[in-house]
């Protein structure tokens, strides 16, 4: 039987919205929607990457590169009154920092933190990773994903990272981000790691040394080697973002959370439930 799975998912998303206030029908339609999502994931599980459990998070599933537009994203966007879609590079852009967080929350996940981003880059660089079905990823696909995120070339690619910086009452810089605690998403605010590099490097820091030796919060250490990746240190009121284009790659912890651009997307990490 020939059918269009993406079209079917779109129609079910409309049903979920139509029965938003019906306490009996909505759970049934929503359950069917989730089952369609599982089918879609099984069809192309390689668009996701598993991040192994650590002492700071359970086993997670995240986008191989960035979040692409899909019916479940459409449903959340409609609730937020956002007009979203894939950009010319195939992922969702035009999101402010807050909107990226709202989309992630709607998907029952979190925007990748710098720590999770570094974990992902390590796996991609190693060529040894697993997809959403727990099967080994193709080495070349992982290499391509690493290049998509970090390679110095056009077009411009970027994504928000789940760090927001502020000063506490003692005028010490702190960072707020989200993490999974006992299976639930919790906001966390803590002092910035004292070993964090607190000067701009223009350029730069060595990308590989940063990936392999980041702080507990996923930022460059004071001892990070010099290199070609631009770095802007954390500032009060700023958020984090990673970018790459023909002019270079950069980790900016000085971003305006209100900023949006077609090229600025997001990756969403969710708890991975093994069956």
Protein backbone atom coordinates (compact mmCIF):
# COMPACT_ATOMS: atom_id res chain seq x y z
CA UNK A 1 0.00 0.00 0.00
CA UNK A 2 1.38 3.41 -1.01
CA UNK A 3 1.04 6.23 1.50
CA UNK A 4 2.74 9.44 2.59
CA UNK A 5 3.79 9.16 6.23
CA UNK A 6 4.61 12.86 6.55
CA UNK A 7 1.17 13.80 5.19
CA UNK A 8 -0.51 11.36 7.57
CA UNK A 9 1.33 12.89 10.51
CA UNK A 10 0.22 16.37 9.44
CA UNK A 11 -3.42 15.26 9.33
CA UNK A 12 -3.19 13.67 12.78
CA UNK A 13 -1.63 16.87 14.13
CA UNK A 14 -4.71 18.72 12.86
CA UNK A 15 -6.93 16.21 14.67
CA UNK A 16 -5.02 16.70 17.92
CA UNK A 17 -5.60 20.43 17.63
CA UNK A 18 -9.27 19.99 16.69
CA UNK A 19 -9.95 17.92 19.81
CA UNK A 20 -7.83 20.08 22.13
CA UNK A 21 -10.70 20.54 24.60
CA UNK A 22 -12.25 17.08 24.35
CA UNK A 23 -11.01 15.16 27.38
CA UNK A 24 -12.10 11.78 25.96
CA UNK A 25 -11.01 12.00 22.34
CA UNK A 26 -7.81 14.03 22.70
CA UNK A 27 -5.82 11.29 24.57
CA UNK A 28 -6.75 8.71 21.92
CA UNK A 29 -5.69 10.94 19.02
CA UNK A 30 -2.55 12.04 20.88
CA UNK A 31 -1.56 8.42 21.49
CA UNK A 32 -2.00 7.67 17.79
CA UNK A 33 0.15 10.70 16.99
CA UNK A 34 2.95 9.44 19.24
CA UNK A 35 2.78 6.04 17.58
CA UNK A 36 3.14 7.70 14.16
CA UNK A 37 6.17 9.55 15.52
CA UNK A 38 7.73 6.26 16.59
CA UNK A 39 7.10 4.84 13.12
CA UNK A 40 8.72 7.88 11.51
CA UNK A 41 11.69 7.55 13.83
CA UNK A 42 12.12 3.90 12.96
CA UNK A 43 12.00 4.83 9.27
CA UNK A 44 14.90 7.25 9.62
CA UNK A 45 16.47 6.75 13.06
CA UNK A 46 19.87 7.88 11.76
CA UNK A 47 18.74 11.52 12.01
CA UNK A 48 19.24 11.13 15.75
CA UNK A 49 22.27 10.40 17.90
CA UNK A 50 22.38 8.72 21.30
CA UNK A 51 24.37 10.36 24.08
CA UNK A 52 25.38 7.68 26.63
CA UNK A 53 24.33 8.04 30.26
CA UNK A 54 26.79 9.96 32.44
CA UNK A 55 26.84 11.04 36.09
CA UNK A 56 25.09 14.26 35.02
CA UNK A 57 22.35 12.97 32.69
CA UNK A 58 20.47 9.81 31.65
CA UNK A 59 20.88 8.32 28.17
CA UNK A 60 19.68 10.96 25.74
CA UNK A 61 18.57 11.19 22.14
CA UNK A 62 19.45 14.37 20.25
CA UNK A 63 19.31 15.65 16.69
CA UNK A 64 22.27 14.48 14.63
CA UNK A 65 22.78 18.10 13.58
CA UNK A 66 19.80 20.42 14.17
CA UNK A 67 16.02 20.21 14.50
CA UNK A 68 14.09 19.91 11.24
CA UNK A 69 10.48 20.97 10.69
CA UNK A 70 7.92 18.21 11.25
CA UNK A 71 4.24 17.96 12.27
CA UNK A 72 5.07 17.85 15.98
CA UNK A 73 7.08 21.07 15.59
CA UNK A 74 4.24 22.59 13.58
CA UNK A 75 1.78 21.85 16.39
CA UNK A 76 3.97 23.61 18.97
CA UNK A 77 4.68 26.51 16.61
CA UNK A 78 0.96 27.06 16.09
CA UNK A 79 0.38 27.24 19.84
CA UNK A 80 3.18 29.81 20.10
CA UNK A 81 1.86 31.63 17.02
CA UNK A 82 5.15 31.17 15.21
CA UNK A 83 5.45 30.84 11.46
CA UNK A 84 8.21 28.26 11.14
CA UNK A 85 9.59 25.99 8.44
CA UNK A 86 12.84 24.52 7.24
CA UNK A 87 15.38 26.97 5.86
CA UNK A 88 17.30 26.32 2.63
CA UNK A 89 19.68 24.07 4.58
CA UNK A 90 16.91 21.81 5.84
CA UNK A 91 16.53 22.86 9.48
CA UNK A 92 14.31 25.19 11.50
CA UNK A 93 15.64 28.74 11.86
CA UNK A 94 14.28 32.17 12.79
CA UNK A 95 14.09 31.34 16.49
CA UNK A 96 14.96 33.61 19.38
CA UNK A 97 16.61 31.97 22.38
CA UNK A 98 13.30 31.86 24.30
CA UNK A 99 11.42 30.44 21.33
CA UNK A 100 14.04 27.71 20.95
CA UNK A 101 13.51 26.83 24.62
CA UNK A 102 9.73 26.77 24.14
CA UNK A 103 9.98 24.46 21.13
CA UNK A 104 12.28 22.14 23.06
CA UNK A 105 9.93 22.11 26.06
CA UNK A 106 6.99 21.28 23.78
CA UNK A 107 8.97 18.31 22.46
CA UNK A 108 9.62 17.21 26.08
CA UNK A 109 13.29 17.99 25.71
CA UNK A 110 15.88 20.69 26.29
CA UNK A 111 17.99 22.86 24.03
CA UNK A 112 21.45 21.27 23.86
CA UNK A 113 23.71 22.74 26.52
CA UNK A 114 27.36 23.43 25.67
CA UNK A 115 28.21 20.24 27.59
CA UNK A 116 25.83 18.13 25.50
CA UNK A 117 27.03 19.84 22.33
CA UNK A 118 30.63 18.93 23.22
CA UNK A 119 29.59 15.34 23.97
CA UNK A 120 27.91 15.15 20.58
CA UNK A 121 30.93 16.55 18.77
CA UNK A 122 33.19 14.00 20.48
CA UNK A 123 31.00 11.14 19.25
CA UNK A 124 30.70 12.54 15.74
CA UNK A 125 34.46 13.04 15.54
CA UNK A 126 35.13 9.50 16.77
CA UNK A 127 33.00 7.99 14.01
CA UNK A 128 31.41 5.65 16.55
CA UNK A 129 27.83 6.44 17.50
CA UNK A 130 24.34 4.97 17.66
CA UNK A 131 21.01 6.01 16.15
CA UNK A 132 17.53 6.21 17.71
CA UNK A 133 17.09 2.45 17.33
CA UNK A 134 20.33 1.76 19.17
CA UNK A 135 22.09 0.65 15.97
CA UNK A 136 25.55 1.77 14.88
CA UNK A 137 25.59 4.91 12.78
CA UNK A 138 27.40 4.99 9.46
CA UNK A 139 30.88 6.45 10.03
CA UNK A 140 30.66 8.71 6.98
CA UNK A 141 27.31 10.12 8.14
CA UNK A 142 28.85 11.01 11.50
CA UNK A 143 31.79 12.68 9.75
CA UNK A 144 29.42 14.67 7.55
CA UNK A 145 27.41 15.75 10.61
CA UNK A 146 30.59 16.95 12.36
CA UNK A 147 31.50 18.98 9.27
CA UNK A 148 27.99 20.37 8.98
CA UNK A 149 28.25 21.73 12.51
CA UNK A 150 31.85 22.97 12.55
CA UNK A 151 33.38 23.22 9.05
CA UNK A 152 34.62 26.62 7.88
CA UNK A 153 32.60 27.15 4.70
CA UNK A 154 29.47 28.80 3.40
CA UNK A 155 26.59 28.97 4.08
CA UNK A 156 26.35 30.29 7.62
CA UNK A 157 25.05 27.66 10.09
CA UNK A 158 24.29 28.35 13.73
CA UNK A 159 22.44 27.05 16.77
CA UNK A 160 21.49 28.23 20.22
CA UNK A 161 23.11 26.53 23.21
CA UNK A 162 21.30 26.26 26.55
CA UNK A 163 23.29 28.77 28.63
CA UNK A 164 22.06 32.12 29.94
CA UNK A 165 24.47 34.25 31.98
CA UNK A 166 23.71 36.71 34.79
CA UNK A 167 25.28 38.33 37.84
CA UNK A 168 24.17 37.22 41.30
CA UNK A 169 23.81 39.48 44.34
CA UNK A 170 27.55 39.26 44.96
CA UNK A 171 28.27 40.37 41.36
CA UNK A 172 29.57 36.92 40.50
CA UNK A 173 28.76 35.50 37.09
CA UNK A 174 26.38 32.56 37.10
CA UNK A 175 24.84 30.38 34.41
CA UNK A 176 21.28 29.11 34.08
CA UNK A 177 20.44 26.07 31.97
CA UNK A 178 18.11 23.05 31.94
CA UNK A 179 18.89 19.46 32.80
CA UNK A 180 17.08 16.18 33.47
CA UNK A 181 16.62 15.34 37.16
CA UNK A 182 14.75 12.12 38.02
CA UNK A 183 13.25 12.07 34.56
CA UNK A 184 11.99 15.66 34.73
CA UNK A 185 13.33 18.85 33.19
CA UNK A 186 14.65 21.25 35.83
CA UNK A 187 16.19 24.74 35.53
CA UNK A 188 19.57 24.99 37.23
CA UNK A 189 21.48 28.14 38.20
CA UNK A 190 25.06 27.82 39.41
CA UNK A 191 28.24 29.85 39.56
CA UNK A 192 30.31 29.76 36.42
CA UNK A 193 33.14 27.22 36.64
CA UNK A 194 36.21 29.10 37.94
CA UNK A 195 38.37 27.49 35.25
CA UNK A 196 36.31 29.06 32.44
CA UNK A 197 38.28 31.18 29.97
CA UNK A 198 37.14 34.75 30.64
CA UNK A 199 38.79 36.62 27.82
CA UNK A 200 37.87 36.88 24.16
CA UNK A 201 40.08 35.02 21.68
CA UNK A 202 39.68 36.56 18.23
CA UNK A 203 40.99 34.21 17.07
CA UNK A 204 41.02 31.89 18.63
CA UNK A 205 40.90 28.66 20.53
CA UNK A 206 41.71 25.20 19.23
CA UNK A 207 38.38 23.49 18.49
CA UNK A 208 39.61 19.95 19.16
CA UNK A 209 41.32 20.88 22.43
CA UNK A 210 38.12 22.62 23.51
CA UNK A 211 36.03 19.55 22.64
CA UNK A 212 38.35 17.20 24.50
CA UNK A 213 39.05 19.37 27.56
CA UNK A 214 36.02 21.56 28.28
CA UNK A 215 34.91 22.63 31.76
CA UNK A 216 32.13 20.88 33.69
CA UNK A 217 29.73 23.34 32.02
CA UNK A 218 31.00 22.68 28.51
CA UNK A 219 33.02 25.88 28.05
CA UNK A 220 36.72 26.40 27.18
CA UNK A 221 39.21 26.21 30.03
CA UNK A 222 41.76 28.93 30.79
CA UNK A 223 44.42 26.51 29.53
CA UNK A 224 42.73 25.85 26.16
CA UNK A 225 45.20 25.83 23.29
CA UNK A 226 45.24 28.69 20.81
CA UNK A 227 43.62 28.04 17.46
CA UNK A 228 41.29 29.35 14.79
CA UNK A 229 37.86 29.10 16.46
CA UNK A 230 36.70 32.50 17.66
CA UNK A 231 35.55 32.72 21.28
CA UNK A 232 33.58 35.42 23.09
CA UNK A 233 33.54 34.89 26.85
CA UNK A 234 30.33 34.83 28.98
CA UNK A 235 28.77 38.19 29.82
CA UNK A 236 25.92 39.33 32.05
CA UNK A 237 22.58 39.10 30.24
CA UNK A 238 23.98 37.10 27.32
CA UNK A 239 23.30 33.61 25.95
CA UNK A 240 25.44 31.06 24.08
CA UNK A 241 25.52 30.09 20.41
CA UNK A 242 27.81 28.14 18.07
CA UNK A 243 28.30 29.30 14.47
CA UNK A 244 30.32 28.37 11.38
CA UNK A 245 30.68 29.95 7.95
CA UNK A 246 33.39 30.81 5.42
CA UNK A 247 34.85 33.37 7.83
CA UNK A 248 35.45 30.83 10.59
CA UNK A 249 33.77 28.94 13.40
CA UNK A 250 32.96 30.52 16.73
CA UNK A 251 31.55 29.92 20.18
CA UNK A 252 29.84 33.09 21.33
CA UNK A 253 28.76 33.44 24.95
CA UNK A 254 27.86 37.09 24.40
CA UNK A 255 24.69 36.63 22.35
CA UNK A 256 21.52 38.71 22.51
CA UNK A 257 18.66 36.31 23.45
CA UNK A 258 16.23 38.42 21.37
CA UNK A 259 18.18 37.85 18.16
CA UNK A 260 16.84 35.61 15.40
CA UNK A 261 17.95 34.75 11.89
CA UNK A 262 17.00 32.19 9.28
CA UNK A 263 20.35 30.44 9.84
CA UNK A 264 20.07 30.16 13.65
CA UNK A 265 18.51 26.87 14.67
CA UNK A 266 18.44 24.51 17.62
CA UNK A 267 19.13 20.90 18.57
CA UNK A 268 16.81 19.25 21.10
CA UNK A 269 17.92 16.53 23.52
CA UNK A 270 15.36 14.14 25.02
CA UNK A 271 15.48 11.18 27.39
CA UNK A 272 15.94 7.98 25.42
CA UNK A 273 13.62 5.18 26.54
CA UNK A 274 14.91 1.76 25.57
CA UNK A 275 12.30 -0.84 24.71
